[in-house]
Amino acid sequence: MSSRIGLSSYAFFWQLSDQVSKPMSIHDALRKAADLGVDLFQICDYAPLETMNDDELAAVRTTADGLGITLEVGTKGIRPEHLRRFLHIAQVLGSDLLRTMFNVPGHTPDNEEAVTIFTDVLPEFKAAGVRIAVETYEQVPTERILDVVRRVNSPYLGICSDPANTVAALEMPQQVIDAVEPYVLNMHIKDFAFSRKQGWVGFTYSGAPLGEGLLDYDYMVGKIQPKERHINQIVEHWLPWQDSEAETIRLENQWTQQSLDFLRSK
């Protein structure tokens, strides 16, 4: 196992969406990743994945295998039946990691329930060799997520670190990095910045090209040490829709290339 640089389906967020006139398929996204010299792709919060049958999933795996790409899987929610469905998807796709988040509409488990669920399902994940990485984000305090991870106390449950998400809950990125560091299994890499709104009335908190925003990347990798610990770094973006489809796609591709160049230079 080595630390690898991968792309998330979030790197093609707009191009995979129905906001564009010709949305790309997940197969197109994999081919584009291969063209960029990437051999790891995380299909994350990509709605069609959940409803694919085994033949359709196998076809995605075949495309990835043919391109020399390893897949990872991401979803939201921890209902037991949902986790088991995604364990199956992960197995068909050959993913050894499932990234998830605690809350979904209609299910916001407290820590007791979360501990019970993970304790119940993890033997199945362990048997399959698939780890669960819970992402840091604004809906659930980082300390709450860590409490669950510590109590379950399994190498098959850890953290997907994304310090950009927690700022909305007034958790500072450096504090979050420090807190989660021992438990990180996966890293989402996206930069972020505040910009003044028109008339100087408030701010917009949004994405920035990697290396140009507020993410202290050097501090983060110095603390988490992905290379030494074989933790994959997955590129995402928070790119707002631009004035036109063409400009949005152009910028999305530019940000992806810049992110890859930045990470490879490190």
Protein backbone atom coordinates (compact mmCIF):
# COMPACT_ATOMS: atom_id res chain seq x y z
CA MET A 1 0.00 0.00 0.00
CA SER A 2 1.28 3.44 -0.90
CA SER A 3 -0.15 6.94 -0.62
CA ARG A 4 -1.80 7.88 -3.88
CA ILE A 5 -3.24 11.02 -5.43
CA GLY A 6 -6.76 10.44 -6.69
CA LEU A 7 -9.65 12.33 -8.19
CA SER A 8 -13.15 12.42 -6.74
CA SER A 9 -16.30 12.55 -8.82
CA TYR A 10 -16.59 15.98 -7.10
CA ALA A 11 -13.69 17.09 -9.34
CA PHE A 12 -16.17 16.68 -12.22
CA PHE A 13 -19.16 17.87 -10.20
CA TRP A 14 -20.69 20.08 -12.90
CA GLN A 15 -19.68 17.89 -15.84
CA LEU A 16 -21.40 14.88 -14.25
CA SER A 17 -24.53 16.91 -13.45
CA ASP A 18 -27.64 17.63 -15.47
CA GLN A 19 -26.74 21.34 -15.34
CA VAL A 20 -24.69 20.80 -18.49
CA SER A 21 -26.15 20.02 -21.91
CA LYS A 22 -24.22 16.75 -22.29
CA PRO A 23 -23.50 15.27 -18.84
CA MET A 24 -20.56 12.90 -18.76
CA SER A 25 -21.07 9.34 -17.57
CA ILE A 26 -19.03 7.80 -14.78
CA HIS A 27 -17.20 5.88 -17.54
CA ASP A 28 -16.33 9.21 -19.21
CA ALA A 29 -15.04 10.53 -15.89
CA LEU A 30 -12.80 7.49 -15.46
CA ARG A 31 -11.40 7.91 -18.97
CA LYS A 32 -10.73 11.58 -18.28
CA ALA A 33 -8.96 10.70 -15.02
CA ALA A 34 -6.76 8.24 -16.91
CA ASP A 35 -5.94 10.93 -19.49
CA LEU A 36 -4.72 13.07 -16.57
CA GLY A 37 -2.40 10.29 -15.43
CA VAL A 38 -4.53 9.41 -12.39
CA ASP A 39 -4.84 5.80 -11.19
CA LEU A 40 -7.28 6.31 -8.28
CA PHE A 41 -10.88 7.52 -8.49
CA GLN A 42 -13.37 8.00 -5.66
CA ILE A 43 -17.01 7.78 -6.77
CA CYS A 44 -18.46 9.94 -4.02
CA ASP A 45 -22.12 10.93 -3.48
CA TYR A 46 -22.84 10.00 -7.09
CA ALA A 47 -26.56 9.23 -6.97
CA PRO A 48 -26.78 6.74 -9.89
CA LEU A 49 -24.33 4.41 -8.15
CA GLU A 50 -26.83 3.31 -5.51
CA THR A 51 -29.41 2.13 -8.04
CA MET A 52 -26.99 0.33 -10.37
CA ASN A 53 -27.46 -3.42 -10.62
CA ASP A 54 -24.51 -5.78 -10.37
CA ASP A 55 -24.01 -5.87 -14.15
CA GLU A 56 -23.86 -2.08 -14.31
CA LEU A 57 -21.46 -1.97 -11.36
CA ALA A 58 -19.31 -4.66 -12.95
CA ALA A 59 -19.17 -2.58 -16.15
CA VAL A 60 -17.80 0.38 -14.15
CA ARG A 61 -15.22 -1.93 -12.59
CA THR A 62 -14.29 -3.26 -16.05
CA THR A 63 -13.74 0.29 -17.35
CA ALA A 64 -11.62 1.16 -14.32
CA ASP A 65 -9.58 -2.03 -14.56
CA GLY A 66 -8.97 -1.46 -18.26
CA LEU A 67 -7.61 2.01 -17.49
CA GLY A 68 -5.50 0.82 -14.55
CA ILE A 69 -7.63 2.79 -12.09
CA THR A 70 -8.41 1.68 -8.53
CA LEU A 71 -11.85 2.72 -7.25
CA GLU A 72 -12.99 4.04 -3.88
CA VAL A 73 -16.61 4.63 -2.89
CA GLY A 74 -18.34 7.40 -0.96
CA THR A 75 -21.89 7.82 0.34
CA LYS A 76 -23.86 9.54 3.10
CA GLY A 77 -25.67 7.97 6.04
CA ILE A 78 -25.06 5.06 8.39
CA ARG A 79 -28.33 3.15 8.47
CA PRO A 80 -27.24 -0.50 8.71
CA GLU A 81 -29.02 -1.56 5.52
CA HIS A 82 -27.48 1.40 3.69
CA LEU A 83 -23.97 0.55 4.88
CA ARG A 84 -24.49 -3.08 3.86
CA ARG A 85 -25.71 -2.03 0.40
CA PHE A 86 -22.58 0.09 -0.02
CA LEU A 87 -20.37 -2.67 1.29
CA HIS A 88 -21.71 -4.78 -1.57
CA ILE A 89 -21.11 -1.94 -4.05
CA ALA A 90 -17.57 -1.49 -2.71
CA GLN A 91 -16.87 -5.21 -3.13
CA VAL A 92 -18.14 -5.31 -6.72
CA LEU A 93 -16.05 -2.21 -7.54
CA GLY A 94 -12.97 -3.51 -5.74
CA SER A 95 -12.90 -0.63 -3.25
CA ASP A 96 -11.22 -1.17 0.12
CA LEU A 97 -12.69 2.06 1.54
CA LEU A 98 -16.17 3.48 2.08
CA ARG A 99 -16.38 7.15 2.98
CA THR A 100 -19.60 8.23 4.68
CA MET A 101 -21.21 10.86 6.92
CA PHE A 102 -23.47 10.42 9.95
CA ASN A 103 -26.56 12.37 8.94
CA VAL A 104 -29.06 12.04 6.13
CA PRO A 105 -32.61 13.43 5.97
CA GLY A 106 -34.72 11.31 8.31
CA HIS A 107 -31.78 9.78 10.20
CA THR A 108 -29.54 11.79 12.53
CA PRO A 109 -28.13 9.19 14.91
CA ASP A 110 -26.78 10.14 18.32
CA ASN A 111 -23.45 8.72 19.45
CA GLU A 112 -24.98 5.70 21.19
CA GLU A 113 -26.82 4.64 18.05
CA ALA A 114 -23.77 5.28 15.86
CA VAL A 115 -21.56 3.13 18.12
CA THR A 116 -24.15 0.34 18.07
CA ILE A 117 -24.48 0.45 14.27
CA PHE A 118 -20.74 0.40 13.61
CA THR A 119 -20.11 -2.31 16.17
CA ASP A 120 -22.80 -4.38 14.49
CA VAL A 121 -21.71 -3.99 10.85
CA LEU A 122 -17.92 -3.77 11.14
CA PRO A 123 -17.31 -7.55 11.33
CA GLU A 124 -18.79 -7.78 7.82
CA PHE A 125 -16.60 -4.91 6.62
CA LYS A 126 -13.52 -6.49 8.21
CA ALA A 127 -14.28 -9.84 6.55
CA ALA A 128 -14.47 -8.01 3.20
CA GLY A 129 -11.35 -5.91 3.87
CA VAL A 130 -13.25 -2.62 3.55
CA ARG A 131 -12.66 0.27 5.96
CA ILE A 132 -15.20 2.98 6.79
CA ALA A 133 -13.96 6.58 6.87
CA VAL A 134 -16.37 9.11 8.42
CA GLU A 135 -15.91 12.59 6.99
CA THR A 136 -15.48 15.71 9.11
CA TYR A 137 -18.21 18.21 8.28
CA GLU A 138 -20.26 21.00 9.72
CA GLN A 139 -23.41 19.03 10.66
CA VAL A 140 -21.69 16.92 13.33
CA PRO A 141 -19.01 18.32 15.67
CA THR A 142 -15.65 16.68 15.01
CA GLU A 143 -15.34 15.72 18.68
CA ARG A 144 -18.61 13.76 18.41
CA ILE A 145 -17.35 11.80 15.41
CA LEU A 146 -14.08 11.12 17.23
CA ASP A 147 -15.95 9.94 20.32
CA VAL A 148 -17.71 7.29 18.22
CA VAL A 149 -14.49 6.23 16.47
CA ARG A 150 -12.66 5.90 19.81
CA ARG A 151 -15.45 3.91 21.41
CA VAL A 152 -15.78 1.49 18.50
CA ASN A 153 -11.99 1.19 18.53
CA SER A 154 -11.45 -0.72 15.27
CA PRO A 155 -8.84 -0.27 12.54
CA TYR A 156 -11.80 -0.60 10.15
CA LEU A 157 -13.38 2.68 11.34
CA GLY A 158 -11.63 6.01 11.05
CA ILE A 159 -11.80 9.51 9.62
CA CYS A 160 -11.94 11.05 6.17
CA SER A 161 -10.35 14.41 6.89
CA ASP A 162 -11.72 17.49 5.17
CA PRO A 163 -10.94 20.63 7.17
CA ALA A 164 -12.76 22.82 4.62
CA ASN A 165 -16.17 21.49 5.69
CA THR A 166 -15.89 22.27 9.39
CA VAL A 167 -15.34 26.01 9.03
CA ALA A 168 -19.12 26.47 8.70
CA ALA A 169 -19.42 25.18 12.29
CA LEU A 170 -16.66 27.59 13.42
CA GLU A 171 -14.19 24.72 13.82
CA MET A 172 -10.83 25.97 12.64
CA PRO A 173 -9.04 23.77 10.11
CA GLN A 174 -5.83 23.47 12.13
CA GLN A 175 -7.71 22.36 15.26
CA VAL A 176 -9.61 19.75 13.25
CA ILE A 177 -6.40 18.46 11.63
CA ASP A 178 -4.76 18.17 15.06
CA ALA A 179 -7.76 16.34 16.53
CA VAL A 180 -8.34 13.79 13.76
CA GLU A 181 -4.71 13.07 12.86
CA PRO A 182 -4.36 9.68 14.64
CA TYR A 183 -7.55 8.32 13.06
CA VAL A 184 -7.29 9.45 9.41
CA LEU A 185 -7.87 6.76 6.74
CA ASN A 186 -8.55 9.05 3.75
CA MET A 187 -8.02 12.73 2.89
CA HIS A 188 -10.18 15.03 0.80
CA ILE A 189 -8.07 17.83 -0.66
CA LYS A 190 -9.85 21.04 -1.57
CA ASP A 191 -8.94 24.67 -1.00
CA PHE A 192 -11.31 27.34 0.24
CA ALA A 193 -11.55 31.08 0.75
CA PHE A 194 -13.82 33.89 1.86
CA SER A 195 -14.67 36.71 -0.51
CA ARG A 196 -16.59 39.89 0.24
CA LYS A 197 -20.10 40.05 -1.14
CA GLN A 198 -21.17 42.98 -3.29
CA GLY A 199 -21.44 46.19 -1.32
CA TRP A 200 -19.25 44.64 1.38
CA VAL A 201 -22.32 43.10 3.00
CA GLY A 202 -21.09 39.77 4.38
CA PHE A 203 -18.95 37.08 2.80
CA THR A 204 -19.19 34.11 0.48
CA TYR A 205 -17.34 31.00 1.67
CA SER A 206 -16.42 28.99 -1.38
CA GLY A 207 -13.80 27.00 -3.20
CA ALA A 208 -10.43 28.23 -4.41
CA PRO A 209 -7.82 26.73 -6.72
CA LEU A 210 -5.53 24.50 -4.67
CA GLY A 211 -2.63 26.47 -3.24
CA GLU A 212 -4.40 29.84 -3.56
CA GLY A 213 -6.85 29.70 -0.64
CA LEU A 214 -6.76 29.30 3.14
CA LEU A 215 -5.88 25.60 3.30
CA ASP A 216 -2.49 25.20 4.98
CA TYR A 217 -1.58 22.12 2.97
CA ASP A 218 1.96 21.85 4.29
CA TYR A 219 0.76 21.91 7.89
CA MET A 220 -1.90 19.30 7.12
CA VAL A 221 0.43 16.79 5.48
CA GLY A 222 3.12 17.45 8.07
CA LYS A 223 0.64 16.46 10.75
CA ILE A 224 -1.22 13.59 9.04
CA GLN A 225 1.78 12.26 7.05
CA PRO A 226 -0.14 10.55 4.25
CA LYS A 227 2.97 9.19 2.50
CA GLU A 228 4.33 7.54 5.61
CA ARG A 229 0.91 6.18 6.61
CA HIS A 230 -0.27 5.17 3.10
CA ILE A 231 -3.28 7.51 3.20
CA ASN A 232 -4.75 8.46 -0.19
CA GLN A 233 -5.32 12.12 -1.07
CA ILE A 234 -8.49 12.70 -3.08
CA VAL A 235 -8.95 15.91 -5.07
CA GLU A 236 -12.30 17.69 -4.79
CA HIS A 237 -13.52 21.21 -5.64
CA TRP A 238 -16.06 23.72 -4.47
CA LEU A 239 -16.34 25.52 -7.78
CA PRO A 240 -19.38 27.83 -8.08
CA TRP A 241 -21.28 27.76 -11.36
CA GLN A 242 -19.84 30.42 -13.66
CA ASP A 243 -21.53 32.72 -16.18
CA SER A 244 -21.81 29.96 -18.77
CA GLU A 245 -21.61 26.20 -19.13
CA ALA A 246 -18.46 26.49 -21.24
CA GLU A 247 -16.70 28.66 -18.68
CA THR A 248 -17.76 26.39 -15.81
CA ILE A 249 -16.38 23.31 -17.57
CA ARG A 250 -13.19 25.12 -18.56
CA LEU A 251 -12.56 26.25 -14.98
CA GLU A 252 -13.45 22.86 -13.51
CA ASN A 253 -10.84 21.23 -15.75
CA GLN A 254 -8.32 23.96 -14.94
CA TRP A 255 -8.80 23.53 -11.18
CA THR A 256 -8.40 19.76 -11.50
CA GLN A 257 -5.16 20.11 -13.44
CA GLN A 258 -3.85 22.72 -10.98
CA SER A 259 -4.69 20.47 -8.03
CA LEU A 260 -2.86 17.53 -9.58
CA ASP A 261 0.16 19.67 -10.47
CA PHE A 262 0.24 21.08 -6.92
CA LEU A 263 0.05 17.67 -5.22
CA ARG A 264 2.56 16.06 -7.58
CA SER A 265 5.02 18.91 -6.94
CA LYS A 266 4.97 18.02 -3.25
